[in-house]
Amino acid sequence: MPEKERDREHHERLFKASLSPYRRQIVAAIGIHGKTREEIQKELNLTDFQLRFNLDWLIKEGFVVEEDGVLKLTDDGIELLEAG
């Protein structure tokens, strides 16, 4: 894939992620240290559906990974976090 096309797709993914206040809140809650699903749900007071729907999207799009029950930001997730 040409670099320009990859950059455009990358920016579109970042834009879509930033449109959702829930996704921005989840990324901010995970932070650079990581958290469990339960910690995030309690901290943000999200319903099961709100957490699952938005977190599944963030994982599918490569912003978040789950390792041993802990959610962590990928490089793209950190970029989204820094973008605010």
PDB file of N, CA and C in Angstrom:
ATOM      1  N   MET A   1       0.848  -1.177   0.000  1.00  0.00           N
ATOM      2  CA  MET A   1       0.000   0.000   0.000  1.00  0.00           C
ATOM      3  C   MET A   1       0.894   1.241   0.000  1.00  0.00           C
ATOM      4  N   PRO A   2       0.631   2.184  -0.884  1.00  0.00           N
ATOM      5  CA  PRO A   2       1.429   3.407  -0.936  1.00  0.00           C
ATOM      6  C   PRO A   2       1.354   4.173   0.390  1.00  0.00           C
ATOM      7  N   GLU A   3       2.446   4.835   0.730  1.00  0.00           N
ATOM      8  CA  GLU A   3       2.537   5.566   2.002  1.00  0.00           C
ATOM      9  C   GLU A   3       1.423   6.602   2.154  1.00  0.00           C
ATOM     10  N   LYS A   4       1.122   7.325   1.088  1.00  0.00           N
ATOM     11  CA  LYS A   4       0.096   8.366   1.138  1.00  0.00           C
ATOM     12  C   LYS A   4      -1.277   7.773   1.463  1.00  0.00           C
ATOM     13  N   GLU A   5      -1.586   6.629   0.862  1.00  0.00           N
ATOM     14  CA  GLU A   5      -2.868   5.970   1.111  1.00  0.00           C
ATOM     15  C   GLU A   5      -2.934   5.454   2.548  1.00  0.00           C
ATOM     16  N   ARG A   6      -1.824   4.903   3.044  1.00  0.00           N
ATOM     17  CA  ARG A   6      -1.771   4.417   4.421  1.00  0.00           C
ATOM     18  C   ARG A   6      -1.962   5.572   5.397  1.00  0.00           C
ATOM     19  N   ASP A   7      -1.314   6.697   5.123  1.00  0.00           N
ATOM     20  CA  ASP A   7      -1.458   7.861   5.986  1.00  0.00           C
ATOM     21  C   ASP A   7      -2.902   8.346   6.019  1.00  0.00           C
ATOM     22  N   ARG A   8      -3.552   8.356   4.877  1.00  0.00           N
ATOM     23  CA  ARG A   8      -4.945   8.802   4.822  1.00  0.00           C
ATOM     24  C   ARG A   8      -5.836   7.873   5.642  1.00  0.00           C
ATOM     25  N   GLU A   9      -5.654   6.570   5.483  1.00  0.00           N
ATOM     26  CA  GLU A   9      -6.441   5.607   6.255  1.00  0.00           C
ATOM     27  C   GLU A   9      -6.164   5.762   7.750  1.00  0.00           C
ATOM     28  N   HIS A  10      -4.911   5.968   8.082  1.00  0.00           N
ATOM     29  CA  HIS A  10      -4.516   6.153   9.483  1.00  0.00           C
ATOM     30  C   HIS A  10      -5.222   7.381  10.072  1.00  0.00           C
ATOM     31  N   HIS A  11      -5.197   8.479   9.362  1.00  0.00           N
ATOM     32  CA  HIS A  11      -5.842   9.700   9.843  1.00  0.00           C
ATOM     33  C   HIS A  11      -7.350   9.547   9.921  1.00  0.00           C
ATOM     34  N   GLU A  12      -7.946   8.822   8.992  1.00  0.00           N
ATOM     35  CA  GLU A  12      -9.388   8.574   9.038  1.00  0.00           C
ATOM     36  C   GLU A  12      -9.758   7.746  10.268  1.00  0.00           C
ATOM     37  N   ARG A  13      -8.939   6.734  10.583  1.00  0.00           N
ATOM     38  CA  ARG A  13      -9.185   5.923  11.784  1.00  0.00           C
ATOM     39  C   ARG A  13      -9.070   6.780  13.044  1.00  0.00           C
ATOM     40  N   LEU A  14      -8.045   7.618  13.113  1.00  0.00           N
ATOM     41  CA  LEU A  14      -7.886   8.503  14.274  1.00  0.00           C
ATOM     42  C   LEU A  14      -9.081   9.449  14.393  1.00  0.00           C
ATOM     43  N   PHE A  15      -9.540   9.979  13.265  1.00  0.00           N
ATOM     44  CA  PHE A  15     -10.675  10.882  13.265  1.00  0.00           C
ATOM     45  C   PHE A  15     -11.930  10.166  13.762  1.00  0.00           C
ATOM     46  N   LYS A  16     -12.203   8.967  13.250  1.00  0.00           N
ATOM     47  CA  LYS A  16     -13.389   8.213  13.676  1.00  0.00           C
ATOM     48  C   LYS A  16     -13.331   7.900  15.165  1.00  0.00           C
ATOM     49  N   ALA A  17     -12.151   7.545  15.643  1.00  0.00           N
ATOM     50  CA  ALA A  17     -12.003   7.237  17.063  1.00  0.00           C
ATOM     51  C   ALA A  17     -12.251   8.478  17.905  1.00  0.00           C
ATOM     52  N   SER A  18     -11.789   9.628  17.436  1.00  0.00           N
ATOM     53  CA  SER A  18     -11.919  10.855  18.224  1.00  0.00           C
ATOM     54  C   SER A  18     -13.336  11.419  18.216  1.00  0.00           C
ATOM     55  N   LEU A  19     -14.178  10.990  17.285  1.00  0.00           N
ATOM     56  CA  LEU A  19     -15.554  11.488  17.219  1.00  0.00           C
ATOM     57  C   LEU A  19     -16.397  11.028  18.405  1.00  0.00           C
ATOM     58  N   SER A  20     -16.077   9.888  18.964  1.00  0.00           N
ATOM     59  CA  SER A  20     -16.880   9.326  20.044  1.00  0.00           C
ATOM     60  C   SER A  20     -16.337   9.746  21.413  1.00  0.00           C
ATOM     61  N   PRO A  21     -17.169  10.435  22.193  1.00  0.00           N
ATOM     62  CA  PRO A  21     -16.700  10.801  23.540  1.00  0.00           C
ATOM     63  C   PRO A  21     -16.381   9.569  24.391  1.00  0.00           C
ATOM     64  N   TYR A  22     -17.135   8.480  24.193  1.00  0.00           N
ATOM     65  CA  TYR A  22     -16.871   7.266  24.960  1.00  0.00           C
ATOM     66  C   TYR A  22     -15.492   6.700  24.617  1.00  0.00           C
ATOM     67  N   ARG A  23     -15.162   6.677  23.339  1.00  0.00           N
ATOM     68  CA  ARG A  23     -13.861   6.140  22.931  1.00  0.00           C
ATOM     69  C   ARG A  23     -12.725   6.994  23.463  1.00  0.00           C
ATOM     70  N   ARG A  24     -12.895   8.302  23.416  1.00  0.00           N
ATOM     71  CA  ARG A  24     -11.862   9.195  23.959  1.00  0.00           C
ATOM     72  C   ARG A  24     -11.708   8.977  25.462  1.00  0.00           C
ATOM     73  N   GLN A  25     -12.819   8.815  26.164  1.00  0.00           N
ATOM     74  CA  GLN A  25     -12.776   8.593  27.607  1.00  0.00           C
ATOM     75  C   GLN A  25     -12.107   7.262  27.936  1.00  0.00           C
ATOM     76  N   ILE A  26     -12.422   6.235  27.175  1.00  0.00           N
ATOM     77  CA  ILE A  26     -11.833   4.918  27.408  1.00  0.00           C
ATOM     78  C   ILE A  26     -10.327   4.970  27.189  1.00  0.00           C
ATOM     79  N   VAL A  27      -9.893   5.590  26.110  1.00  0.00           N
ATOM     80  CA  VAL A  27      -8.452   5.708  25.827  1.00  0.00           C
ATOM     81  C   VAL A  27      -7.769   6.476  26.945  1.00  0.00           C
ATOM     82  N   ALA A  28      -8.375   7.571  27.397  1.00  0.00           N
ATOM     83  CA  ALA A  28      -7.788   8.365  28.480  1.00  0.00           C
ATOM     84  C   ALA A  28      -7.735   7.562  29.777  1.00  0.00           C
ATOM     85  N   ALA A  29      -8.777   6.774  30.045  1.00  0.00           N
ATOM     86  CA  ALA A  29      -8.805   5.975  31.275  1.00  0.00           C
ATOM     87  C   ALA A  29      -7.741   4.877  31.253  1.00  0.00           C
ATOM     88  N   ILE A  30      -7.528   4.267  30.104  1.00  0.00           N
ATOM     89  CA  ILE A  30      -6.504   3.230  29.994  1.00  0.00           C
ATOM     90  C   ILE A  30      -5.136   3.851  30.243  1.00  0.00           C
ATOM     91  N   GLY A  31      -4.905   5.009  29.639  1.00  0.00           N
ATOM     92  CA  GLY A  31      -3.634   5.713  29.843  1.00  0.00           C
ATOM     93  C   GLY A  31      -2.433   4.878  29.438  1.00  0.00           C
ATOM     94  N   ILE A  32      -1.291   5.249  29.914  1.00  0.00           N
ATOM     95  CA  ILE A  32      -0.077   4.527  29.523  1.00  0.00           C
ATOM     96  C   ILE A  32       0.215   3.340  30.432  1.00  0.00           C
ATOM     97  N   HIS A  33      -0.528   3.217  31.541  1.00  0.00           N
ATOM     98  CA  HIS A  33      -0.276   2.112  32.464  1.00  0.00           C
ATOM     99  C   HIS A  33      -1.208   0.931  32.262  1.00  0.00           C
ATOM    100  N   GLY A  34      -2.344   1.160  31.620  1.00  0.00           N
ATOM    101  CA  GLY A  34      -3.299   0.089  31.378  1.00  0.00           C
ATOM    102  C   GLY A  34      -4.262  -0.099  32.534  1.00  0.00           C
ATOM    103  N   LYS A  35      -5.411  -0.680  32.231  1.00  0.00           N
ATOM    104  CA  LYS A  35      -6.439  -0.971  33.235  1.00  0.00           C
ATOM    105  C   LYS A  35      -7.260  -2.161  32.769  1.00  0.00           C
ATOM    106  N   THR A  36      -7.996  -2.732  33.699  1.00  0.00           N
ATOM    107  CA  THR A  36      -8.901  -3.824  33.359  1.00  0.00           C
ATOM    108  C   THR A  36     -10.229  -3.239  32.871  1.00  0.00           C
ATOM    109  N   ARG A  37     -11.018  -4.093  32.243  1.00  0.00           N
ATOM    110  CA  ARG A  37     -12.350  -3.674  31.790  1.00  0.00           C
ATOM    111  C   ARG A  37     -13.189  -3.187  32.981  1.00  0.00           C
ATOM    112  N   GLU A  38     -13.087  -3.912  34.080  1.00  0.00           N
ATOM    113  CA  GLU A  38     -13.873  -3.567  35.266  1.00  0.00           C
ATOM    114  C   GLU A  38     -13.478  -2.197  35.811  1.00  0.00           C
ATOM    115  N   GLU A  39     -12.186  -1.904  35.842  1.00  0.00           N
ATOM    116  CA  GLU A  39     -11.731  -0.601  36.328  1.00  0.00           C
ATOM    117  C   GLU A  39     -12.265   0.527  35.454  1.00  0.00           C
ATOM    118  N   ILE A  40     -12.206   0.331  34.152  1.00  0.00           N
ATOM    119  CA  ILE A  40     -12.679   1.359  33.226  1.00  0.00           C
ATOM    120  C   ILE A  40     -14.184   1.552  33.359  1.00  0.00           C
ATOM    121  N   GLN A  41     -14.918   0.445  33.420  1.00  0.00           N
ATOM    122  CA  GLN A  41     -16.371   0.541  33.513  1.00  0.00           C
ATOM    123  C   GLN A  41     -16.779   1.278  34.784  1.00  0.00           C
ATOM    124  N   LYS A  42     -16.128   0.971  35.891  1.00  0.00           N
ATOM    125  CA  LYS A  42     -16.449   1.622  37.161  1.00  0.00           C
ATOM    126  C   LYS A  42     -16.041   3.095  37.125  1.00  0.00           C
ATOM    127  N   GLU A  43     -14.839   3.377  36.641  1.00  0.00           N
ATOM    128  CA  GLU A  43     -14.328   4.750  36.605  1.00  0.00           C
ATOM    129  C   GLU A  43     -15.182   5.661  35.732  1.00  0.00           C
ATOM    130  N   LEU A  44     -15.628   5.157  34.587  1.00  0.00           N
ATOM    131  CA  LEU A  44     -16.383   5.976  33.638  1.00  0.00           C
ATOM    132  C   LEU A  44     -17.894   5.823  33.774  1.00  0.00           C
ATOM    133  N   ASN A  45     -18.323   4.905  34.650  1.00  0.00           N
ATOM    134  CA  ASN A  45     -19.747   4.657  34.864  1.00  0.00           C
ATOM    135  C   ASN A  45     -20.460   4.332  33.550  1.00  0.00           C
ATOM    136  N   LEU A  46     -19.903   3.372  32.801  1.00  0.00           N
ATOM    137  CA  LEU A  46     -20.468   2.950  31.526  1.00  0.00           C
ATOM    138  C   LEU A  46     -21.332   1.711  31.706  1.00  0.00           C
ATOM    139  N   THR A  47     -22.346   1.585  30.861  1.00  0.00           N
ATOM    140  CA  THR A  47     -23.125   0.349  30.850  1.00  0.00           C
ATOM    141  C   THR A  47     -22.272  -0.744  30.191  1.00  0.00           C
ATOM    142  N   ASP A  48     -22.687  -1.987  30.354  1.00  0.00           N
ATOM    143  CA  ASP A  48     -21.978  -3.090  29.699  1.00  0.00           C
ATOM    144  C   ASP A  48     -21.929  -2.865  28.190  1.00  0.00           C
ATOM    145  N   PHE A  49     -23.058  -2.449  27.610  1.00  0.00           N
ATOM    146  CA  PHE A  49     -23.116  -2.228  26.166  1.00  0.00           C
ATOM    147  C   PHE A  49     -22.175  -1.106  25.733  1.00  0.00           C
ATOM    148  N   GLN A  50     -22.210   0.022  26.427  1.00  0.00           N
ATOM    149  CA  GLN A  50     -21.343   1.154  26.063  1.00  0.00           C
ATOM    150  C   GLN A  50     -19.874   0.748  26.081  1.00  0.00           C
ATOM    151  N   LEU A  51     -19.470   0.034  27.122  1.00  0.00           N
ATOM    152  CA  LEU A  51     -18.078  -0.388  27.221  1.00  0.00           C
ATOM    153  C   LEU A  51     -17.739  -1.393  26.131  1.00  0.00           C
ATOM    154  N   ARG A  52     -18.545  -2.435  25.998  1.00  0.00           N
ATOM    155  CA  ARG A  52     -18.255  -3.499  25.036  1.00  0.00           C
ATOM    156  C   ARG A  52     -18.226  -2.967  23.602  1.00  0.00           C
ATOM    157  N   PHE A  53     -19.235  -2.193  23.221  1.00  0.00           N
ATOM    158  CA  PHE A  53     -19.333  -1.682  21.853  1.00  0.00           C
ATOM    159  C   PHE A  53     -18.122  -0.824  21.498  1.00  0.00           C
ATOM    160  N   ASN A  54     -17.781   0.117  22.348  1.00  0.00           N
ATOM    161  CA  ASN A  54     -16.696   1.047  22.052  1.00  0.00           C
ATOM    162  C   ASN A  54     -15.326   0.414  22.227  1.00  0.00           C
ATOM    163  N   LEU A  55     -15.169  -0.417  23.223  1.00  0.00           N
ATOM    164  CA  LEU A  55     -13.885  -1.078  23.427  1.00  0.00           C
ATOM    165  C   LEU A  55     -13.613  -2.089  22.316  1.00  0.00           C
ATOM    166  N   ASP A  56     -14.626  -2.827  21.908  1.00  0.00           N
ATOM    167  CA  ASP A  56     -14.447  -3.765  20.793  1.00  0.00           C
ATOM    168  C   ASP A  56     -14.025  -3.031  19.527  1.00  0.00           C
ATOM    169  N   TRP A  57     -14.589  -1.851  19.291  1.00  0.00           N
ATOM    170  CA  TRP A  57     -14.210  -1.054  18.117  1.00  0.00           C
ATOM    171  C   TRP A  57     -12.748  -0.621  18.243  1.00  0.00           C
ATOM    172  N   LEU A  58     -12.357  -0.138  19.414  1.00  0.00           N
ATOM    173  CA  LEU A  58     -10.972   0.302  19.618  1.00  0.00           C
ATOM    174  C   LEU A  58      -9.984  -0.844  19.435  1.00  0.00           C
ATOM    175  N   ILE A  59     -10.352  -2.041  19.876  1.00  0.00           N
ATOM    176  CA  ILE A  59      -9.485  -3.211  19.710  1.00  0.00           C
ATOM    177  C   ILE A  59      -9.419  -3.598  18.232  1.00  0.00           C
ATOM    178  N   LYS A  60     -10.576  -3.660  17.589  1.00  0.00           N
ATOM    179  CA  LYS A  60     -10.628  -4.049  16.166  1.00  0.00           C
ATOM    180  C   LYS A  60      -9.822  -3.099  15.293  1.00  0.00           C
ATOM    181  N   GLU A  61      -9.852  -1.817  15.616  1.00  0.00           N
ATOM    182  CA  GLU A  61      -9.160  -0.809  14.819  1.00  0.00           C
ATOM    183  C   GLU A  61      -7.692  -0.633  15.226  1.00  0.00           C
ATOM    184  N   GLY A  62      -7.255  -1.373  16.235  1.00  0.00           N
ATOM    185  CA  GLY A  62      -5.841  -1.368  16.584  1.00  0.00           C
ATOM    186  C   GLY A  62      -5.381  -0.279  17.537  1.00  0.00           C
ATOM    187  N   PHE A  63      -6.290   0.312  18.292  1.00  0.00           N
ATOM    188  CA  PHE A  63      -5.917   1.331  19.265  1.00  0.00           C
ATOM    189  C   PHE A  63      -5.629   0.728  20.643  1.00  0.00           C
ATOM    190  N   VAL A  64      -6.219  -0.428  20.911  1.00  0.00           N
ATOM    191  CA  VAL A  64      -6.113  -1.070  22.224  1.00  0.00           C
ATOM    192  C   VAL A  64      -5.863  -2.560  22.025  1.00  0.00           C
ATOM    193  N   VAL A  65      -5.066  -3.134  22.915  1.00  0.00           N
ATOM    194  CA  VAL A  65      -4.883  -4.582  22.970  1.00  0.00           C
ATOM    195  C   VAL A  65      -5.179  -5.026  24.399  1.00  0.00           C
ATOM    196  N   GLU A  66      -5.546  -6.299  24.541  1.00  0.00           N
ATOM    197  CA  GLU A  66      -5.799  -6.857  25.870  1.00  0.00           C
ATOM    198  C   GLU A  66      -4.803  -7.977  26.106  1.00  0.00           C
ATOM    199  N   GLU A  67      -4.006  -7.819  27.156  1.00  0.00           N
ATOM    200  CA  GLU A  67      -2.995  -8.818  27.503  1.00  0.00           C
ATOM    201  C   GLU A  67      -3.180  -9.231  28.956  1.00  0.00           C
ATOM    202  N   ASP A  68      -3.449 -10.510  29.162  1.00  0.00           N
ATOM    203  CA  ASP A  68      -3.650 -11.051  30.509  1.00  0.00           C
ATOM    204  C   ASP A  68      -4.695 -10.266  31.294  1.00  0.00           C
ATOM    205  N   GLY A  69      -5.785  -9.893  30.623  1.00  0.00           N
ATOM    206  CA  GLY A  69      -6.880  -9.198  31.278  1.00  0.00           C
ATOM    207  C   GLY A  69      -6.673  -7.707  31.471  1.00  0.00           C
ATOM    208  N   VAL A  70      -5.542  -7.185  31.000  1.00  0.00           N
ATOM    209  CA  VAL A  70      -5.252  -5.755  31.127  1.00  0.00           C
ATOM    210  C   VAL A  70      -5.296  -5.119  29.744  1.00  0.00           C
ATOM    211  N   LEU A  71      -6.041  -4.033  29.648  1.00  0.00           N
ATOM    212  CA  LEU A  71      -6.137  -3.282  28.399  1.00  0.00           C
ATOM    213  C   LEU A  71      -4.973  -2.312  28.323  1.00  0.00           C
ATOM    214  N   LYS A  72      -4.333  -2.282  27.168  1.00  0.00           N
ATOM    215  CA  LYS A  72      -3.194  -1.390  26.967  1.00  0.00           C
ATOM    216  C   LYS A  72      -3.338  -0.696  25.626  1.00  0.00           C
ATOM    217  N   LEU A  73      -2.796   0.517  25.552  1.00  0.00           N
ATOM    218  CA  LEU A  73      -2.827   1.261  24.308  1.00  0.00           C
ATOM    219  C   LEU A  73      -1.707   0.811  23.385  1.00  0.00           C
ATOM    220  N   THR A  74      -2.014   0.738  22.112  1.00  0.00           N
ATOM    221  CA  THR A  74      -0.989   0.494  21.095  1.00  0.00           C
ATOM    222  C   THR A  74      -0.349   1.848  20.769  1.00  0.00           C
ATOM    223  N   ASP A  75       0.594   1.861  19.844  1.00  0.00           N
ATOM    224  CA  ASP A  75       1.185   3.132  19.414  1.00  0.00           C
ATOM    225  C   ASP A  75       0.104   4.068  18.867  1.00  0.00           C
ATOM    226  N   ASP A  76      -0.850   3.516  18.103  1.00  0.00           N
ATOM    227  CA  ASP A  76      -1.959   4.334  17.595  1.00  0.00           C
ATOM    228  C   ASP A  76      -2.827   4.850  18.740  1.00  0.00           C
ATOM    229  N   GLY A  77      -3.035   4.018  19.750  1.00  0.00           N
ATOM    230  CA  GLY A  77      -3.809   4.439  20.919  1.00  0.00           C
ATOM    231  C   GLY A  77      -3.132   5.565  21.678  1.00  0.00           C
ATOM    232  N   ILE A  78      -1.818   5.491  21.790  1.00  0.00           N
ATOM    233  CA  ILE A  78      -1.053   6.553  22.445  1.00  0.00           C
ATOM    234  C   ILE A  78      -1.148   7.843  21.631  1.00  0.00           C
ATOM    235  N   GLU A  79      -1.092   7.707  20.318  1.00  0.00           N
ATOM    236  CA  GLU A  79      -1.235   8.875  19.450  1.00  0.00           C
ATOM    237  C   GLU A  79      -2.610   9.523  19.653  1.00  0.00           C
ATOM    238  N   LEU A  80      -3.647   8.713  19.766  1.00  0.00           N
ATOM    239  CA  LEU A  80      -4.993   9.220  20.005  1.00  0.00           C
ATOM    240  C   LEU A  80      -5.062   9.895  21.377  1.00  0.00           C
ATOM    241  N   LEU A  81      -4.450   9.292  22.382  1.00  0.00           N
ATOM    242  CA  LEU A  81      -4.417   9.858  23.726  1.00  0.00           C
ATOM    243  C   LEU A  81      -3.744  11.226  23.712  1.00  0.00           C
ATOM    244  N   GLU A  82      -2.622  11.322  23.038  1.00  0.00           N
ATOM    245  CA  GLU A  82      -1.873  12.583  22.976  1.00  0.00           C
ATOM    246  C   GLU A  82      -2.609  13.656  22.192  1.00  0.00           C
ATOM    247  N   ALA A  83      -3.434  13.233  21.232  1.00  0.00           N
ATOM    248  CA  ALA A  83      -4.197  14.195  20.438  1.00  0.00           C
ATOM    249  C   ALA A  83      -5.323  14.825  21.253  1.00  0.00           C
ATOM    250  N   GLY A  84      -5.667  14.139  22.366  1.00  0.00           N
ATOM    251  CA  GLY A  84      -6.695  14.678  23.248  1.00  0.00           C
ATOM    252  C   GLY A  84      -8.040  14.434  22.743  1.00  0.00           C
TER     253      GLY A  84
END
